[in-house]
Amino acid sequence: METKQDIMNRTIKDMKNLGVYKPEFNEIINIYAGLVHQYSVVLEKFEEGGYQFETETAAGNPKKSGVASALETLRKYILQYSDRLCLSPRSIENVTAEVGNTSVLSTVLSGLEGGEAQ
């Protein structure tokens, strides 16, 4: 299982590859890495428990197990943080990433300058 530090290092590498990393984001990346690590730990417990999705209440009624609820909550938070860190396809579409001293958008637009105007 990946450690929290492994997840953080991988996240920073991915963000650098996408051109969206800045050291100022490290605190948020740290939180994101913790959530992903917690998700892995809880998922492992869910698998070991035979994927028990429901448990019974004291009254004998079925309810979602605590592990299943924790997984759902962690998924929601991971998705929110991945969007903020531009690690999802949806979020990266709306970002002008910096590559060197020029943005990706500037690079694309400058490539169009030599093309045919419509």
N, C-alpha and C. Protein backbone atom coordinates (compact mmCIF):
# COMPACT_ATOMS: atom_id res chain seq x y z
N MET A 1 0.85 -1.18 0.00
CA MET A 1 0.00 0.00 0.00
C MET A 1 0.90 1.24 0.00
N GLU A 2 0.51 2.22 -0.81
CA GLU A 2 1.25 3.47 -0.88
C GLU A 2 1.15 4.22 0.45
N THR A 3 2.24 4.87 0.82
CA THR A 3 2.21 5.72 2.00
C THR A 3 1.65 7.08 1.61
N LYS A 4 1.31 7.86 2.60
CA LYS A 4 0.82 9.21 2.36
C LYS A 4 1.88 10.02 1.62
N GLN A 5 3.15 9.85 1.99
CA GLN A 5 4.24 10.59 1.33
C GLN A 5 4.37 10.16 -0.14
N ASP A 6 4.21 8.86 -0.41
CA ASP A 6 4.24 8.38 -1.81
C ASP A 6 3.13 9.05 -2.63
N ILE A 7 1.96 9.15 -2.05
CA ILE A 7 0.81 9.76 -2.75
C ILE A 7 1.09 11.24 -2.98
N MET A 8 1.66 11.90 -1.98
CA MET A 8 1.97 13.32 -2.12
C MET A 8 3.00 13.53 -3.23
N ASN A 9 4.06 12.71 -3.25
CA ASN A 9 5.09 12.83 -4.28
C ASN A 9 4.52 12.58 -5.67
N ARG A 10 3.66 11.57 -5.80
CA ARG A 10 3.04 11.25 -7.08
C ARG A 10 2.13 12.39 -7.54
N THR A 11 1.39 12.96 -6.59
CA THR A 11 0.49 14.07 -6.91
C THR A 11 1.27 15.28 -7.41
N ILE A 12 2.36 15.61 -6.74
CA ILE A 12 3.20 16.74 -7.17
C ILE A 12 3.76 16.47 -8.56
N LYS A 13 4.22 15.25 -8.79
CA LYS A 13 4.75 14.89 -10.11
C LYS A 13 3.67 15.04 -11.18
N ASP A 14 2.47 14.54 -10.90
CA ASP A 14 1.36 14.65 -11.86
C ASP A 14 1.02 16.11 -12.13
N MET A 15 0.99 16.92 -11.08
CA MET A 15 0.67 18.34 -11.25
C MET A 15 1.75 19.05 -12.06
N LYS A 16 3.00 18.70 -11.83
CA LYS A 16 4.09 19.29 -12.62
C LYS A 16 3.94 18.91 -14.09
N ASN A 17 3.62 17.64 -14.34
CA ASN A 17 3.42 17.19 -15.72
C ASN A 17 2.28 17.93 -16.40
N LEU A 18 1.26 18.29 -15.64
CA LEU A 18 0.12 19.03 -16.19
C LEU A 18 0.37 20.54 -16.25
N GLY A 19 1.47 20.98 -15.62
CA GLY A 19 1.80 22.40 -15.62
C GLY A 19 0.98 23.22 -14.65
N VAL A 20 0.49 22.59 -13.57
CA VAL A 20 -0.37 23.31 -12.63
C VAL A 20 0.20 23.35 -11.20
N TYR A 21 1.42 22.84 -11.01
CA TYR A 21 1.99 22.77 -9.66
C TYR A 21 2.65 24.09 -9.25
N LYS A 22 2.42 24.46 -7.99
CA LYS A 22 3.14 25.55 -7.34
C LYS A 22 3.39 25.11 -5.90
N PRO A 23 4.56 25.42 -5.35
CA PRO A 23 4.87 25.01 -3.97
C PRO A 23 3.84 25.50 -2.96
N GLU A 24 3.17 26.59 -3.26
CA GLU A 24 2.17 27.13 -2.35
C GLU A 24 0.99 26.17 -2.16
N PHE A 25 0.85 25.20 -3.05
CA PHE A 25 -0.26 24.23 -2.97
C PHE A 25 0.06 23.04 -2.07
N ASN A 26 1.29 22.98 -1.53
CA ASN A 26 1.71 21.79 -0.79
C ASN A 26 0.81 21.44 0.39
N GLU A 27 0.27 22.44 1.07
CA GLU A 27 -0.61 22.16 2.22
C GLU A 27 -1.88 21.45 1.75
N ILE A 28 -2.44 21.92 0.65
CA ILE A 28 -3.66 21.28 0.12
C ILE A 28 -3.31 19.89 -0.43
N ILE A 29 -2.15 19.77 -1.06
CA ILE A 29 -1.72 18.47 -1.58
C ILE A 29 -1.55 17.49 -0.43
N ASN A 30 -1.03 17.97 0.70
CA ASN A 30 -0.86 17.12 1.88
C ASN A 30 -2.21 16.60 2.38
N ILE A 31 -3.19 17.46 2.42
CA ILE A 31 -4.54 17.04 2.85
C ILE A 31 -5.11 16.02 1.86
N TYR A 32 -4.97 16.31 0.56
CA TYR A 32 -5.44 15.40 -0.48
C TYR A 32 -4.77 14.03 -0.34
N ALA A 33 -3.45 14.02 -0.15
CA ALA A 33 -2.72 12.76 0.00
C ALA A 33 -3.21 11.98 1.22
N GLY A 34 -3.51 12.70 2.30
CA GLY A 34 -4.06 12.04 3.49
C GLY A 34 -5.41 11.40 3.21
N LEU A 35 -6.26 12.09 2.47
CA LEU A 35 -7.57 11.54 2.13
C LEU A 35 -7.45 10.29 1.26
N VAL A 36 -6.55 10.35 0.26
CA VAL A 36 -6.36 9.20 -0.62
C VAL A 36 -5.80 8.02 0.18
N HIS A 37 -4.87 8.29 1.08
CA HIS A 37 -4.32 7.22 1.91
C HIS A 37 -5.40 6.62 2.82
N GLN A 38 -6.20 7.48 3.46
CA GLN A 38 -7.29 6.98 4.30
C GLN A 38 -8.25 6.13 3.49
N TYR A 39 -8.55 6.55 2.27
CA TYR A 39 -9.44 5.80 1.39
C TYR A 39 -8.88 4.40 1.15
N SER A 40 -7.59 4.30 0.89
CA SER A 40 -6.96 3.00 0.66
C SER A 40 -7.07 2.10 1.88
N VAL A 41 -6.85 2.66 3.06
CA VAL A 41 -6.94 1.89 4.31
C VAL A 41 -8.37 1.40 4.54
N VAL A 42 -9.34 2.30 4.38
CA VAL A 42 -10.75 1.93 4.61
C VAL A 42 -11.22 0.93 3.55
N LEU A 43 -10.79 1.11 2.31
CA LEU A 43 -11.17 0.17 1.25
C LEU A 43 -10.62 -1.22 1.54
N GLU A 44 -9.41 -1.29 2.06
CA GLU A 44 -8.84 -2.58 2.41
C GLU A 44 -9.68 -3.26 3.51
N LYS A 45 -10.11 -2.50 4.50
CA LYS A 45 -10.97 -3.06 5.55
C LYS A 45 -12.31 -3.51 4.98
N PHE A 46 -12.84 -2.76 4.04
CA PHE A 46 -14.11 -3.11 3.39
C PHE A 46 -13.96 -4.43 2.63
N GLU A 47 -12.86 -4.59 1.93
CA GLU A 47 -12.59 -5.83 1.20
C GLU A 47 -12.42 -7.00 2.16
N GLU A 48 -11.65 -6.77 3.23
CA GLU A 48 -11.43 -7.84 4.22
C GLU A 48 -12.72 -8.24 4.90
N GLY A 49 -13.66 -7.32 5.04
CA GLY A 49 -14.94 -7.61 5.68
C GLY A 49 -15.95 -8.22 4.72
N GLY A 50 -15.50 -8.58 3.52
CA GLY A 50 -16.39 -9.22 2.56
C GLY A 50 -17.35 -8.24 1.90
N TYR A 51 -16.95 -6.99 1.79
CA TYR A 51 -17.76 -5.95 1.16
C TYR A 51 -19.14 -5.83 1.81
N GLN A 52 -19.15 -5.88 3.13
CA GLN A 52 -20.41 -5.76 3.85
C GLN A 52 -20.91 -4.32 3.74
N PHE A 53 -21.94 -4.14 2.93
CA PHE A 53 -22.47 -2.81 2.66
C PHE A 53 -23.51 -2.39 3.70
N GLU A 54 -24.23 -3.35 4.25
CA GLU A 54 -25.27 -3.04 5.23
C GLU A 54 -25.03 -3.76 6.54
N THR A 55 -25.50 -3.12 7.61
CA THR A 55 -25.52 -3.74 8.93
C THR A 55 -26.93 -3.57 9.47
N GLU A 56 -27.20 -4.22 10.58
CA GLU A 56 -28.53 -4.08 11.18
C GLU A 56 -28.48 -3.12 12.36
N THR A 57 -29.53 -2.35 12.48
CA THR A 57 -29.67 -1.46 13.64
C THR A 57 -30.12 -2.30 14.83
N ALA A 58 -30.20 -1.68 15.99
CA ALA A 58 -30.66 -2.38 17.19
C ALA A 58 -32.09 -2.88 17.01
N ALA A 59 -32.86 -2.18 16.20
CA ALA A 59 -34.25 -2.57 15.94
C ALA A 59 -34.35 -3.65 14.86
N GLY A 60 -33.20 -4.03 14.30
CA GLY A 60 -33.21 -5.08 13.29
C GLY A 60 -33.38 -4.59 11.86
N ASN A 61 -33.39 -3.29 11.67
CA ASN A 61 -33.53 -2.74 10.33
C ASN A 61 -32.15 -2.59 9.67
N PRO A 62 -32.07 -2.76 8.36
CA PRO A 62 -30.77 -2.59 7.69
C PRO A 62 -30.40 -1.12 7.55
N LYS A 63 -29.10 -0.85 7.65
CA LYS A 63 -28.59 0.49 7.40
C LYS A 63 -27.20 0.33 6.78
N LYS A 64 -26.77 1.38 6.12
CA LYS A 64 -25.45 1.36 5.48
C LYS A 64 -24.38 1.20 6.56
N SER A 65 -23.40 0.36 6.28
CA SER A 65 -22.33 0.15 7.26
C SER A 65 -21.47 1.41 7.38
N GLY A 66 -20.80 1.51 8.50
CA GLY A 66 -19.92 2.66 8.74
C GLY A 66 -18.79 2.73 7.73
N VAL A 67 -18.26 1.57 7.35
CA VAL A 67 -17.17 1.54 6.38
C VAL A 67 -17.66 2.02 5.02
N ALA A 68 -18.84 1.59 4.60
CA ALA A 68 -19.40 2.02 3.32
C ALA A 68 -19.65 3.53 3.33
N SER A 69 -20.16 4.04 4.43
CA SER A 69 -20.39 5.49 4.56
C SER A 69 -19.07 6.26 4.51
N ALA A 70 -18.06 5.74 5.18
CA ALA A 70 -16.75 6.40 5.18
C ALA A 70 -16.17 6.44 3.77
N LEU A 71 -16.30 5.34 3.03
CA LEU A 71 -15.80 5.31 1.65
C LEU A 71 -16.50 6.35 0.78
N GLU A 72 -17.81 6.45 0.91
CA GLU A 72 -18.57 7.43 0.13
C GLU A 72 -18.13 8.86 0.45
N THR A 73 -17.96 9.14 1.73
CA THR A 73 -17.54 10.48 2.15
C THR A 73 -16.14 10.79 1.64
N LEU A 74 -15.22 9.83 1.78
CA LEU A 74 -13.86 10.05 1.30
C LEU A 74 -13.83 10.25 -0.21
N ARG A 75 -14.62 9.48 -0.95
CA ARG A 75 -14.68 9.66 -2.41
C ARG A 75 -15.11 11.09 -2.76
N LYS A 76 -16.12 11.57 -2.05
CA LYS A 76 -16.62 12.92 -2.32
C LYS A 76 -15.53 13.96 -2.06
N TYR A 77 -14.83 13.85 -0.94
CA TYR A 77 -13.77 14.80 -0.62
C TYR A 77 -12.60 14.69 -1.57
N ILE A 78 -12.22 13.47 -1.95
CA ILE A 78 -11.11 13.27 -2.89
C ILE A 78 -11.44 13.93 -4.22
N LEU A 79 -12.67 13.76 -4.68
CA LEU A 79 -13.08 14.39 -5.93
C LEU A 79 -13.00 15.91 -5.83
N GLN A 80 -13.46 16.47 -4.72
CA GLN A 80 -13.40 17.92 -4.54
C GLN A 80 -11.96 18.43 -4.55
N TYR A 81 -11.08 17.74 -3.82
CA TYR A 81 -9.68 18.16 -3.78
C TYR A 81 -9.01 17.94 -5.12
N SER A 82 -9.31 16.84 -5.81
CA SER A 82 -8.69 16.60 -7.12
C SER A 82 -9.11 17.67 -8.11
N ASP A 83 -10.35 18.15 -8.02
CA ASP A 83 -10.78 19.26 -8.87
C ASP A 83 -10.00 20.52 -8.55
N ARG A 84 -9.81 20.82 -7.28
CA ARG A 84 -9.09 22.03 -6.88
C ARG A 84 -7.62 21.97 -7.30
N LEU A 85 -7.07 20.76 -7.33
CA LEU A 85 -5.67 20.59 -7.70
C LEU A 85 -5.49 20.35 -9.20
N CYS A 86 -6.59 20.44 -9.95
CA CYS A 86 -6.58 20.27 -11.41
C CYS A 86 -6.13 18.88 -11.82
N LEU A 87 -6.55 17.88 -11.09
CA LEU A 87 -6.18 16.49 -11.36
C LEU A 87 -7.30 15.69 -11.99
N SER A 88 -8.38 16.35 -12.35
CA SER A 88 -9.47 15.65 -13.01
C SER A 88 -9.66 16.23 -14.41
N PRO A 89 -10.14 15.43 -15.34
CA PRO A 89 -10.34 15.93 -16.71
C PRO A 89 -11.24 17.16 -16.76
N ARG A 90 -12.25 17.17 -15.93
CA ARG A 90 -13.19 18.30 -15.92
C ARG A 90 -12.51 19.59 -15.49
N SER A 91 -11.71 19.52 -14.44
CA SER A 91 -11.10 20.74 -13.91
C SER A 91 -9.96 21.24 -14.78
N ILE A 92 -9.22 20.36 -15.41
CA ILE A 92 -8.07 20.80 -16.21
C ILE A 92 -8.50 21.58 -17.44
N GLU A 93 -9.72 21.34 -17.91
CA GLU A 93 -10.24 22.06 -19.08
C GLU A 93 -10.36 23.56 -18.83
N ASN A 94 -10.55 23.95 -17.59
CA ASN A 94 -10.80 25.34 -17.24
C ASN A 94 -9.57 26.07 -16.73
N VAL A 95 -8.38 25.47 -16.91
CA VAL A 95 -7.17 26.04 -16.33
C VAL A 95 -6.22 26.49 -17.43
N THR A 96 -5.61 27.63 -17.21
CA THR A 96 -4.52 28.08 -18.06
C THR A 96 -3.25 27.78 -17.28
N ALA A 97 -2.60 26.67 -17.63
CA ALA A 97 -1.42 26.21 -16.90
C ALA A 97 -0.19 26.95 -17.37
N GLU A 98 0.75 27.14 -16.47
CA GLU A 98 2.00 27.80 -16.79
C GLU A 98 3.04 26.76 -17.22
N VAL A 99 3.66 26.99 -18.35
CA VAL A 99 4.76 26.15 -18.82
C VAL A 99 5.93 27.09 -19.04
N GLY A 100 6.95 26.98 -18.19
CA GLY A 100 8.05 27.94 -18.25
C GLY A 100 7.51 29.30 -17.87
N ASN A 101 7.70 30.29 -18.73
CA ASN A 101 7.19 31.63 -18.45
C ASN A 101 5.95 31.95 -19.26
N THR A 102 5.48 30.97 -20.05
CA THR A 102 4.28 31.21 -20.85
C THR A 102 3.22 30.19 -20.50
N SER A 103 1.99 30.59 -20.63
CA SER A 103 0.90 29.67 -20.33
C SER A 103 0.67 28.74 -21.51
N VAL A 104 0.02 27.64 -21.27
CA VAL A 104 -0.32 26.70 -22.32
C VAL A 104 -1.19 27.41 -23.36
N LEU A 105 -2.12 28.23 -22.90
CA LEU A 105 -2.98 28.97 -23.81
C LEU A 105 -2.15 29.89 -24.70
N SER A 106 -1.18 30.59 -24.14
CA SER A 106 -0.32 31.47 -24.93
C SER A 106 0.45 30.69 -25.97
N THR A 107 0.94 29.53 -25.60
CA THR A 107 1.69 28.69 -26.52
C THR A 107 0.82 28.26 -27.68
N VAL A 108 -0.41 27.83 -27.39
CA VAL A 108 -1.33 27.40 -28.44
C VAL A 108 -1.68 28.56 -29.35
N LEU A 109 -1.99 29.70 -28.75
CA LEU A 109 -2.35 30.88 -29.55
C LEU A 109 -1.19 31.35 -30.42
N SER A 110 0.03 31.30 -29.89
CA SER A 110 1.17 31.73 -30.70
C SER A 110 1.40 30.78 -31.86
N GLY A 111 1.06 29.51 -31.68
CA GLY A 111 1.15 28.54 -32.77
C GLY A 111 0.14 28.81 -33.86
N LEU A 112 -0.95 29.45 -33.51
CA LEU A 112 -1.99 29.76 -34.49
C LEU A 112 -1.68 31.03 -35.28
N GLU A 113 -0.78 31.86 -34.78
CA GLU A 113 -0.46 33.12 -35.44
C GLU A 113 0.07 32.92 -36.86
N GLY A 114 0.82 31.85 -37.06
CA GLY A 114 1.38 31.59 -38.37
C GLY A 114 0.41 30.90 -39.31
N GLY A 115 -0.76 30.46 -38.78
CA GLY A 115 -1.76 29.74 -39.57
C GLY A 115 -2.63 30.69 -40.36
N GLU A 116 -3.58 30.11 -41.06
CA GLU A 116 -4.49 30.89 -41.88
C GLU A 116 -5.54 31.57 -41.01
N ALA A 117 -5.80 32.82 -41.28
CA ALA A 117 -6.86 33.55 -40.56
C ALA A 117 -8.17 33.26 -41.25
N GLN A 118 -9.21 33.15 -40.48
CA GLN A 118 -10.53 32.84 -41.04
C GLN A 118 -11.43 34.02 -40.95
